[in-house]
């Protein structure tokens, strides 16, 4: 019985490290993706676009950039915290 408890105790820290690394990877990838999409919104050709749609593009790109940078900052904080 003690061997099973010791095995479980040795397994959980490595599982915690694995999940923490996975979360950091997901945050980094999503932050890069969202920041790239914020720039990509403006790459799409906008011939004949209404001014209201330009304002929506601006709002969408700013929102995506802010969320992407927050994800990157949180991932960086997780890496620095260890």
C-alpha atoms as a PDB file:
ATOM      1  CA  UNK A   1       0.000   0.000   0.000  1.00  0.00           C
ATOM      2  CA  UNK A   2       2.827   2.422   0.838  1.00  0.00           C
ATOM      3  CA  UNK A   3       4.459   1.714  -2.500  1.00  0.00           C
ATOM      4  CA  UNK A   4       1.297   2.769  -4.360  1.00  0.00           C
ATOM      5  CA  UNK A   5       1.094   6.013  -2.403  1.00  0.00           C
ATOM      6  CA  UNK A   6       4.748   6.786  -3.035  1.00  0.00           C
ATOM      7  CA  UNK A   7       4.283   6.064  -6.733  1.00  0.00           C
ATOM      8  CA  UNK A   8       1.276   8.388  -6.868  1.00  0.00           C
ATOM      9  CA  UNK A   9       3.198  11.119  -5.052  1.00  0.00           C
ATOM     10  CA  UNK A  10       6.096  10.807  -7.474  1.00  0.00           C
ATOM     11  CA  UNK A  11       3.723  10.814 -10.463  1.00  0.00           C
ATOM     12  CA  UNK A  12       1.731  13.939  -9.609  1.00  0.00           C
ATOM     13  CA  UNK A  13       4.617  16.447  -9.604  1.00  0.00           C
ATOM     14  CA  UNK A  14       5.710  15.291 -13.051  1.00  0.00           C
ATOM     15  CA  UNK A  15       2.106  15.453 -14.228  1.00  0.00           C
ATOM     16  CA  UNK A  16       1.825  18.970 -12.810  1.00  0.00           C
ATOM     17  CA  UNK A  17       4.979  20.031 -14.664  1.00  0.00           C
ATOM     18  CA  UNK A  18       3.671  18.474 -17.884  1.00  0.00           C
ATOM     19  CA  UNK A  19       0.323  20.254 -17.630  1.00  0.00           C
ATOM     20  CA  UNK A  20       2.019  23.537 -16.777  1.00  0.00           C
ATOM     21  CA  UNK A  21       4.294  23.226 -19.799  1.00  0.00           C
ATOM     22  CA  UNK A  22       1.346  22.333 -22.001  1.00  0.00           C
ATOM     23  CA  UNK A  23      -0.616  25.367 -20.790  1.00  0.00           C
ATOM     24  CA  UNK A  24       2.363  27.631 -21.454  1.00  0.00           C
ATOM     25  CA  UNK A  25       2.704  26.192 -24.958  1.00  0.00           C
ATOM     26  CA  UNK A  26      -0.998  26.679 -25.669  1.00  0.00           C
ATOM     27  CA  UNK A  27      -0.881  30.267 -24.392  1.00  0.00           C
ATOM     28  CA  UNK A  28       2.175  31.056 -26.496  1.00  0.00           C
ATOM     29  CA  UNK A  29       0.717  29.559 -29.663  1.00  0.00           C
ATOM     30  CA  UNK A  30      -2.664  31.232 -29.204  1.00  0.00           C
ATOM     31  CA  UNK A  31      -0.996  34.578 -28.454  1.00  0.00           C
ATOM     32  CA  UNK A  32       1.098  34.369 -31.607  1.00  0.00           C
ATOM     33  CA  UNK A  33      -1.901  33.269 -33.655  1.00  0.00           C
ATOM     34  CA  UNK A  34      -4.147  36.067 -32.389  1.00  0.00           C
ATOM     35  CA  UNK A  35      -1.459  38.698 -32.885  1.00  0.00           C
ATOM     36  CA  UNK A  36      -0.886  37.413 -36.402  1.00  0.00           C
ATOM     37  CA  UNK A  37      -4.605  37.524 -37.133  1.00  0.00           C
ATOM     38  CA  UNK A  38      -4.716  41.136 -35.973  1.00  0.00           C
ATOM     39  CA  UNK A  39      -2.234  41.977 -38.728  1.00  0.00           C
ATOM     40  CA  UNK A  40      -3.883  39.579 -41.179  1.00  0.00           C
ATOM     41  CA  UNK A  41      -7.196  41.407 -41.015  1.00  0.00           C
ATOM     42  CA  UNK A  42      -5.579  44.278 -42.915  1.00  0.00           C
ATOM     43  CA  UNK A  43      -3.969  42.056 -45.569  1.00  0.00           C
ATOM     44  CA  UNK A  44      -7.382  41.107 -46.985  1.00  0.00           C
ATOM     45  CA  UNK A  45      -8.182  43.423 -49.920  1.00  0.00           C
ATOM     46  CA  UNK A  46     -10.844  45.986 -49.073  1.00  0.00           C
ATOM     47  CA  UNK A  47     -11.890  47.427 -52.439  1.00  0.00           C
ATOM     48  CA  UNK A  48     -15.228  49.149 -52.195  1.00  0.00           C
ATOM     49  CA  UNK A  49     -15.427  48.608 -48.453  1.00  0.00           C
ATOM     50  CA  UNK A  50     -17.849  50.743 -46.510  1.00  0.00           C
ATOM     51  CA  UNK A  51     -16.407  53.088 -43.871  1.00  0.00           C
ATOM     52  CA  UNK A  52     -18.346  51.251 -41.141  1.00  0.00           C
ATOM     53  CA  UNK A  53     -16.632  48.012 -42.102  1.00  0.00           C
ATOM     54  CA  UNK A  54     -13.260  49.725 -41.861  1.00  0.00           C
ATOM     55  CA  UNK A  55     -14.136  50.764 -38.325  1.00  0.00           C
ATOM     56  CA  UNK A  56     -15.164  47.186 -37.530  1.00  0.00           C
ATOM     57  CA  UNK A  57     -11.865  45.925 -38.974  1.00  0.00           C
ATOM     58  CA  UNK A  58      -9.982  48.373 -36.794  1.00  0.00           C
ATOM     59  CA  UNK A  59     -11.909  47.359 -33.673  1.00  0.00           C
ATOM     60  CA  UNK A  60     -11.459  43.652 -34.434  1.00  0.00           C
ATOM     61  CA  UNK A  61      -7.733  43.980 -35.051  1.00  0.00           C
ATOM     62  CA  UNK A  62      -7.205  45.997 -31.856  1.00  0.00           C
ATOM     63  CA  UNK A  63      -9.197  43.453 -29.843  1.00  0.00           C
ATOM     64  CA  UNK A  64      -7.281  40.511 -31.335  1.00  0.00           C
ATOM     65  CA  UNK A  65      -3.968  42.259 -30.717  1.00  0.00           C
ATOM     66  CA  UNK A  66      -4.803  43.014 -27.083  1.00  0.00           C
ATOM     67  CA  UNK A  67      -5.969  39.452 -26.380  1.00  0.00           C
ATOM     68  CA  UNK A  68      -2.941  37.992 -28.185  1.00  0.00           C
ATOM     69  CA  UNK A  69      -0.510  40.161 -26.253  1.00  0.00           C
ATOM     70  CA  UNK A  70      -2.231  39.251 -22.971  1.00  0.00           C
ATOM     71  CA  UNK A  71      -1.811  35.553 -23.796  1.00  0.00           C
ATOM     72  CA  UNK A  72       1.865  36.105 -24.599  1.00  0.00           C
ATOM     73  CA  UNK A  73       2.421  38.117 -21.411  1.00  0.00           C
ATOM     74  CA  UNK A  74       0.731  35.449 -19.289  1.00  0.00           C
ATOM     75  CA  UNK A  75       2.825  32.711 -20.944  1.00  0.00           C
ATOM     76  CA  UNK A  76       5.991  34.738 -20.338  1.00  0.00           C
ATOM     77  CA  UNK A  77       5.018  35.224 -16.700  1.00  0.00           C
ATOM     78  CA  UNK A  78       4.455  31.465 -16.317  1.00  0.00           C
ATOM     79  CA  UNK A  79       7.889  30.763 -17.806  1.00  0.00           C
ATOM     80  CA  UNK A  80       9.617  33.271 -15.542  1.00  0.00           C
ATOM     81  CA  UNK A  81       7.792  32.035 -12.424  1.00  0.00           C
ATOM     82  CA  UNK A  82       9.045  28.542 -13.057  1.00  0.00           C
END
